[in-house]
Amino acid sequence: MGAIGLLSADTPATAVKMLVIGSRDVWPNHDTSNDGFNFVDYRSFSAEMLEQFKPDMVMSLLFGTGFDAMDIAAKLFEFGFAGPYRALCANLPNPALVKREISQVAPLLDFDLVSLPAVARMVH
């Protein structure tokens, strides 16, 4: 699989351009010298920025400061983003419910949850 197991096997990890929506402060262990990652605050996220960066994947926390995955999914759908969007979260009791809600606001979006126990420690 590709970078962190979230892209297809055909996508070389070195070629992946990730757009991470949310504050860089929430990602304390991220090496900012990696040119494959671009961080953008939710308030600055726009169609123009998405077109300029052309990410292979968009990532965020399920719940960020001032936004949640549904907000981002709606914008990505509106902007015509065709790549994968992954929301990082702690273990959820009913992930299918979240996916169903996202599919209602962005029916054609390639959305999935990535459950990481470390996420709970990052945001609390």
N, C-alpha and C. Protein backbone atom coordinates (compact mmCIF):
# COMPACT_ATOMS: atom_id res chain seq x y z
N MET A 1 0.83 -1.19 0.00
CA MET A 1 0.00 0.00 0.00
C MET A 1 0.87 1.24 0.00
N GLY A 2 0.24 2.37 -0.27
CA GLY A 2 0.96 3.64 -0.31
C GLY A 2 1.18 4.19 1.08
N ALA A 3 1.39 5.48 1.15
CA ALA A 3 1.72 6.17 2.39
C ALA A 3 0.70 5.85 3.47
N ILE A 4 1.18 5.47 4.59
CA ILE A 4 0.44 5.08 5.79
C ILE A 4 -0.76 4.20 5.48
N GLY A 5 -0.67 3.43 4.40
CA GLY A 5 -1.69 2.46 4.10
C GLY A 5 -3.02 3.05 3.66
N LEU A 6 -3.04 4.27 3.17
CA LEU A 6 -4.30 4.92 2.86
C LEU A 6 -4.54 5.14 1.38
N LEU A 7 -3.54 4.95 0.56
CA LEU A 7 -3.69 5.12 -0.88
C LEU A 7 -3.58 3.77 -1.55
N SER A 8 -3.80 3.73 -2.83
CA SER A 8 -3.71 2.47 -3.55
C SER A 8 -2.27 2.00 -3.65
N ALA A 9 -2.11 0.74 -3.96
CA ALA A 9 -0.78 0.16 -4.09
C ALA A 9 -0.01 0.76 -5.25
N ASP A 10 -0.70 1.39 -6.19
CA ASP A 10 -0.06 1.97 -7.37
C ASP A 10 0.53 3.35 -7.10
N THR A 11 0.28 3.91 -5.93
CA THR A 11 0.75 5.26 -5.63
C THR A 11 2.04 5.19 -4.84
N PRO A 12 3.18 5.58 -5.44
CA PRO A 12 4.43 5.55 -4.70
C PRO A 12 4.39 6.53 -3.53
N ALA A 13 4.86 6.10 -2.37
CA ALA A 13 4.81 6.93 -1.16
C ALA A 13 5.55 8.25 -1.36
N THR A 14 6.63 8.24 -2.12
CA THR A 14 7.41 9.46 -2.31
C THR A 14 6.68 10.48 -3.17
N ALA A 15 5.68 10.05 -3.93
CA ALA A 15 4.98 10.96 -4.83
C ALA A 15 3.70 11.52 -4.22
N VAL A 16 3.34 11.08 -3.04
CA VAL A 16 2.07 11.46 -2.44
C VAL A 16 2.11 12.91 -1.94
N LYS A 17 1.10 13.67 -2.38
CA LYS A 17 0.94 15.04 -1.90
C LYS A 17 -0.27 15.06 -0.99
N MET A 18 -0.03 15.31 0.28
CA MET A 18 -1.09 15.29 1.28
C MET A 18 -1.46 16.70 1.69
N LEU A 19 -2.74 16.98 1.67
CA LEU A 19 -3.24 18.23 2.21
C LEU A 19 -3.86 17.91 3.56
N VAL A 20 -3.33 18.52 4.60
CA VAL A 20 -3.81 18.29 5.96
C VAL A 20 -4.54 19.55 6.40
N ILE A 21 -5.83 19.41 6.67
CA ILE A 21 -6.64 20.55 7.07
C ILE A 21 -6.73 20.59 8.58
N GLY A 22 -6.35 21.73 9.13
CA GLY A 22 -6.35 21.91 10.58
C GLY A 22 -5.03 22.49 11.03
N SER A 23 -4.98 22.82 12.27
CA SER A 23 -3.78 23.44 12.82
C SER A 23 -2.60 22.48 12.85
N ARG A 24 -1.45 22.96 12.40
CA ARG A 24 -0.23 22.16 12.46
C ARG A 24 0.14 21.82 13.91
N ASP A 25 -0.31 22.64 14.86
CA ASP A 25 -0.02 22.41 16.27
C ASP A 25 -0.58 21.08 16.78
N VAL A 26 -1.63 20.58 16.13
CA VAL A 26 -2.25 19.33 16.55
C VAL A 26 -1.41 18.12 16.12
N TRP A 27 -0.47 18.33 15.22
CA TRP A 27 0.36 17.26 14.68
C TRP A 27 1.79 17.45 15.19
N PRO A 28 2.04 17.28 16.47
CA PRO A 28 3.33 17.64 17.06
C PRO A 28 4.52 16.85 16.56
N ASN A 29 4.33 15.67 16.05
CA ASN A 29 5.46 14.85 15.62
C ASN A 29 5.71 14.92 14.12
N HIS A 30 5.02 15.83 13.44
CA HIS A 30 5.19 15.93 12.00
C HIS A 30 6.49 16.65 11.65
N ASP A 31 7.24 16.05 10.73
CA ASP A 31 8.47 16.65 10.22
C ASP A 31 8.10 17.66 9.14
N THR A 32 8.21 18.94 9.44
CA THR A 32 7.76 19.99 8.52
C THR A 32 8.66 20.13 7.29
N SER A 33 9.77 19.42 7.23
CA SER A 33 10.63 19.52 6.06
C SER A 33 10.15 18.62 4.92
N ASN A 34 9.15 17.79 5.16
CA ASN A 34 8.63 16.90 4.13
C ASN A 34 7.73 17.70 3.19
N ASP A 35 8.17 17.91 1.96
CA ASP A 35 7.43 18.71 1.00
C ASP A 35 6.12 18.06 0.55
N GLY A 36 5.91 16.80 0.86
CA GLY A 36 4.69 16.13 0.46
C GLY A 36 3.47 16.53 1.28
N PHE A 37 3.69 17.20 2.41
CA PHE A 37 2.60 17.60 3.28
C PHE A 37 2.39 19.10 3.19
N ASN A 38 1.14 19.49 3.08
CA ASN A 38 0.80 20.91 3.09
C ASN A 38 -0.32 21.09 4.10
N PHE A 39 -0.09 21.95 5.07
CA PHE A 39 -1.08 22.21 6.11
C PHE A 39 -1.83 23.49 5.78
N VAL A 40 -3.13 23.46 6.00
CA VAL A 40 -3.94 24.65 5.79
C VAL A 40 -4.98 24.72 6.91
N ASP A 41 -5.17 25.89 7.43
CA ASP A 41 -6.20 26.13 8.42
C ASP A 41 -7.56 26.02 7.73
N TYR A 42 -8.54 25.52 8.43
CA TYR A 42 -9.86 25.33 7.83
C TYR A 42 -10.41 26.63 7.24
N ARG A 43 -10.22 27.73 7.93
CA ARG A 43 -10.75 29.02 7.44
C ARG A 43 -10.10 29.45 6.14
N SER A 44 -8.88 28.97 5.87
CA SER A 44 -8.17 29.34 4.64
C SER A 44 -8.40 28.36 3.50
N PHE A 45 -9.05 27.27 3.78
CA PHE A 45 -9.27 26.22 2.79
C PHE A 45 -10.24 26.72 1.71
N SER A 46 -9.80 26.68 0.44
CA SER A 46 -10.61 27.19 -0.66
C SER A 46 -10.43 26.32 -1.90
N ALA A 47 -11.31 26.52 -2.86
CA ALA A 47 -11.20 25.80 -4.13
C ALA A 47 -9.91 26.19 -4.84
N GLU A 48 -9.53 27.46 -4.77
CA GLU A 48 -8.31 27.93 -5.42
C GLU A 48 -7.08 27.26 -4.81
N MET A 49 -7.06 27.16 -3.49
CA MET A 49 -5.93 26.52 -2.82
C MET A 49 -5.87 25.04 -3.18
N LEU A 50 -7.01 24.38 -3.25
CA LEU A 50 -7.06 22.97 -3.61
C LEU A 50 -6.55 22.77 -5.04
N GLU A 51 -6.95 23.65 -5.94
CA GLU A 51 -6.50 23.57 -7.33
C GLU A 51 -5.00 23.84 -7.45
N GLN A 52 -4.50 24.75 -6.67
CA GLN A 52 -3.07 25.09 -6.72
C GLN A 52 -2.21 23.94 -6.19
N PHE A 53 -2.59 23.34 -5.09
CA PHE A 53 -1.77 22.28 -4.49
C PHE A 53 -1.99 20.92 -5.16
N LYS A 54 -3.19 20.65 -5.65
CA LYS A 54 -3.53 19.39 -6.30
C LYS A 54 -3.12 18.17 -5.46
N PRO A 55 -3.70 18.02 -4.28
CA PRO A 55 -3.30 16.90 -3.42
C PRO A 55 -3.79 15.56 -3.93
N ASP A 56 -3.02 14.52 -3.61
CA ASP A 56 -3.46 13.15 -3.88
C ASP A 56 -4.47 12.70 -2.83
N MET A 57 -4.36 13.27 -1.64
CA MET A 57 -5.23 12.90 -0.53
C MET A 57 -5.41 14.10 0.38
N VAL A 58 -6.57 14.17 1.00
CA VAL A 58 -6.86 15.18 2.01
C VAL A 58 -7.07 14.44 3.32
N MET A 59 -6.51 15.01 4.38
CA MET A 59 -6.66 14.42 5.72
C MET A 59 -7.02 15.51 6.71
N SER A 60 -7.71 15.11 7.76
CA SER A 60 -7.98 15.98 8.89
C SER A 60 -8.33 15.11 10.07
N LEU A 61 -8.47 15.75 11.21
CA LEU A 61 -9.07 15.06 12.34
C LEU A 61 -10.57 15.00 12.09
N LEU A 62 -11.25 14.05 12.70
CA LEU A 62 -12.70 13.97 12.58
C LEU A 62 -13.34 15.23 13.15
N PHE A 63 -12.82 15.70 14.27
CA PHE A 63 -13.28 16.94 14.90
C PHE A 63 -12.08 17.84 15.10
N GLY A 64 -12.05 18.96 14.39
CA GLY A 64 -10.97 19.92 14.54
C GLY A 64 -11.47 21.17 15.24
N THR A 65 -10.62 22.15 15.37
CA THR A 65 -10.99 23.41 15.99
C THR A 65 -11.81 24.24 15.00
N GLY A 66 -13.10 24.36 15.25
CA GLY A 66 -13.97 25.16 14.40
C GLY A 66 -14.51 24.43 13.18
N PHE A 67 -14.31 23.13 13.07
CA PHE A 67 -14.83 22.37 11.92
C PHE A 67 -14.90 20.90 12.31
N ASP A 68 -15.58 20.15 11.48
CA ASP A 68 -15.55 18.70 11.60
C ASP A 68 -15.48 18.10 10.20
N ALA A 69 -15.38 16.80 10.13
CA ALA A 69 -15.22 16.13 8.84
C ALA A 69 -16.38 16.40 7.89
N MET A 70 -17.57 16.60 8.42
CA MET A 70 -18.71 16.88 7.55
C MET A 70 -18.53 18.22 6.84
N ASP A 71 -18.00 19.21 7.55
CA ASP A 71 -17.72 20.51 6.93
C ASP A 71 -16.73 20.37 5.77
N ILE A 72 -15.66 19.63 6.02
CA ILE A 72 -14.64 19.45 5.00
C ILE A 72 -15.18 18.64 3.83
N ALA A 73 -15.90 17.57 4.12
CA ALA A 73 -16.47 16.73 3.06
C ALA A 73 -17.39 17.54 2.16
N ALA A 74 -18.21 18.40 2.75
CA ALA A 74 -19.12 19.23 1.95
C ALA A 74 -18.34 20.16 1.03
N LYS A 75 -17.26 20.76 1.55
CA LYS A 75 -16.45 21.64 0.71
C LYS A 75 -15.75 20.85 -0.40
N LEU A 76 -15.16 19.71 -0.05
CA LEU A 76 -14.48 18.90 -1.06
C LEU A 76 -15.43 18.49 -2.17
N PHE A 77 -16.64 18.12 -1.79
CA PHE A 77 -17.65 17.73 -2.78
C PHE A 77 -18.02 18.92 -3.65
N GLU A 78 -18.22 20.06 -3.02
CA GLU A 78 -18.55 21.29 -3.75
C GLU A 78 -17.44 21.68 -4.72
N PHE A 79 -16.18 21.49 -4.30
CA PHE A 79 -15.03 21.85 -5.12
C PHE A 79 -14.71 20.80 -6.19
N GLY A 80 -15.40 19.67 -6.18
CA GLY A 80 -15.18 18.63 -7.17
C GLY A 80 -13.96 17.77 -6.93
N PHE A 81 -13.50 17.68 -5.69
CA PHE A 81 -12.33 16.87 -5.37
C PHE A 81 -12.65 15.40 -5.62
N ALA A 82 -11.78 14.71 -6.36
CA ALA A 82 -12.03 13.32 -6.73
C ALA A 82 -11.14 12.33 -5.99
N GLY A 83 -10.21 12.80 -5.19
CA GLY A 83 -9.31 11.90 -4.48
C GLY A 83 -9.87 11.47 -3.14
N PRO A 84 -9.09 10.71 -2.40
CA PRO A 84 -9.55 10.25 -1.09
C PRO A 84 -9.45 11.32 0.00
N TYR A 85 -10.41 11.30 0.88
CA TYR A 85 -10.41 12.14 2.09
C TYR A 85 -10.51 11.19 3.27
N ARG A 86 -9.54 11.31 4.19
CA ARG A 86 -9.50 10.46 5.37
C ARG A 86 -9.55 11.32 6.62
N ALA A 87 -10.42 10.95 7.53
CA ALA A 87 -10.56 11.64 8.81
C ALA A 87 -10.00 10.75 9.90
N LEU A 88 -9.04 11.29 10.64
CA LEU A 88 -8.41 10.54 11.73
C LEU A 88 -9.24 10.70 12.99
N CYS A 89 -9.40 9.61 13.71
CA CYS A 89 -10.21 9.65 14.93
C CYS A 89 -9.75 8.58 15.90
N ALA A 90 -10.21 8.71 17.13
CA ALA A 90 -10.04 7.64 18.10
C ALA A 90 -11.08 6.57 17.76
N ASN A 91 -11.03 5.47 18.44
CA ASN A 91 -12.02 4.42 18.19
C ASN A 91 -13.43 4.97 18.41
N LEU A 92 -14.30 4.69 17.46
CA LEU A 92 -15.69 5.15 17.54
C LEU A 92 -16.61 3.95 17.77
N PRO A 93 -17.68 4.15 18.50
CA PRO A 93 -18.61 3.04 18.73
C PRO A 93 -19.38 2.64 17.47
N ASN A 94 -19.60 3.59 16.54
CA ASN A 94 -20.37 3.29 15.34
C ASN A 94 -19.80 4.06 14.14
N PRO A 95 -18.67 3.64 13.61
CA PRO A 95 -18.07 4.35 12.48
C PRO A 95 -18.97 4.35 11.24
N ALA A 96 -19.80 3.34 11.07
CA ALA A 96 -20.69 3.29 9.91
C ALA A 96 -21.68 4.46 9.92
N LEU A 97 -22.08 4.89 11.09
CA LEU A 97 -22.99 6.04 11.20
C LEU A 97 -22.31 7.31 10.68
N VAL A 98 -21.06 7.52 11.06
CA VAL A 98 -20.32 8.70 10.60
C VAL A 98 -20.17 8.65 9.07
N LYS A 99 -19.80 7.50 8.54
CA LYS A 99 -19.63 7.36 7.09
C LYS A 99 -20.94 7.63 6.36
N ARG A 100 -22.03 7.15 6.91
CA ARG A 100 -23.35 7.36 6.30
C ARG A 100 -23.70 8.86 6.29
N GLU A 101 -23.41 9.55 7.40
CA GLU A 101 -23.69 10.99 7.46
C GLU A 101 -22.85 11.77 6.45
N ILE A 102 -21.58 11.39 6.33
CA ILE A 102 -20.70 12.05 5.35
C ILE A 102 -21.22 11.80 3.94
N SER A 103 -21.66 10.58 3.66
CA SER A 103 -22.13 10.27 2.31
C SER A 103 -23.40 11.04 1.96
N GLN A 104 -24.13 11.50 2.95
CA GLN A 104 -25.32 12.30 2.68
C GLN A 104 -24.97 13.71 2.20
N VAL A 105 -23.86 14.28 2.70
CA VAL A 105 -23.47 15.63 2.26
C VAL A 105 -22.50 15.59 1.08
N ALA A 106 -21.84 14.45 0.89
CA ALA A 106 -20.86 14.32 -0.20
C ALA A 106 -20.95 12.90 -0.78
N PRO A 107 -22.00 12.62 -1.53
CA PRO A 107 -22.28 11.24 -1.95
C PRO A 107 -21.20 10.59 -2.82
N LEU A 108 -20.44 11.34 -3.57
CA LEU A 108 -19.44 10.74 -4.46
C LEU A 108 -18.03 10.80 -3.90
N LEU A 109 -17.87 11.34 -2.71
CA LEU A 109 -16.54 11.51 -2.12
C LEU A 109 -16.00 10.18 -1.61
N ASP A 110 -14.74 9.91 -1.90
CA ASP A 110 -14.05 8.72 -1.38
C ASP A 110 -13.63 9.03 0.05
N PHE A 111 -14.51 8.74 1.00
CA PHE A 111 -14.29 9.07 2.41
C PHE A 111 -14.13 7.81 3.23
N ASP A 112 -13.23 7.89 4.20
CA ASP A 112 -13.12 6.81 5.17
C ASP A 112 -12.53 7.37 6.45
N LEU A 113 -12.70 6.61 7.51
CA LEU A 113 -12.14 6.95 8.81
C LEU A 113 -10.89 6.14 9.04
N VAL A 114 -9.93 6.74 9.71
CA VAL A 114 -8.73 6.05 10.13
C VAL A 114 -8.71 6.13 11.64
N SER A 115 -8.93 4.99 12.25
CA SER A 115 -9.00 4.95 13.70
C SER A 115 -7.62 4.70 14.28
N LEU A 116 -7.12 5.67 15.00
CA LEU A 116 -5.80 5.58 15.62
C LEU A 116 -5.92 5.93 17.10
N PRO A 117 -5.59 5.02 17.99
CA PRO A 117 -5.67 5.34 19.41
C PRO A 117 -4.88 6.58 19.80
N ALA A 118 -3.80 6.85 19.10
CA ALA A 118 -2.96 8.02 19.42
C ALA A 118 -3.69 9.33 19.16
N VAL A 119 -4.70 9.31 18.29
CA VAL A 119 -5.43 10.54 17.99
C VAL A 119 -6.10 11.08 19.24
N ALA A 120 -6.65 10.21 20.06
CA ALA A 120 -7.31 10.65 21.29
C ALA A 120 -6.34 11.41 22.19
N ARG A 121 -5.10 10.96 22.23
CA ARG A 121 -4.11 11.63 23.06
C ARG A 121 -3.65 12.96 22.44
N MET A 122 -3.71 13.06 21.10
CA MET A 122 -3.27 14.28 20.42
C MET A 122 -4.20 15.44 20.67
N VAL A 123 -5.48 15.18 20.77
CA VAL A 123 -6.46 16.27 20.82
C VAL A 123 -7.03 16.50 22.21
N HIS A 124 -6.63 15.73 23.18
CA HIS A 124 -7.17 15.93 24.53
C HIS A 124 -6.09 16.34 25.49
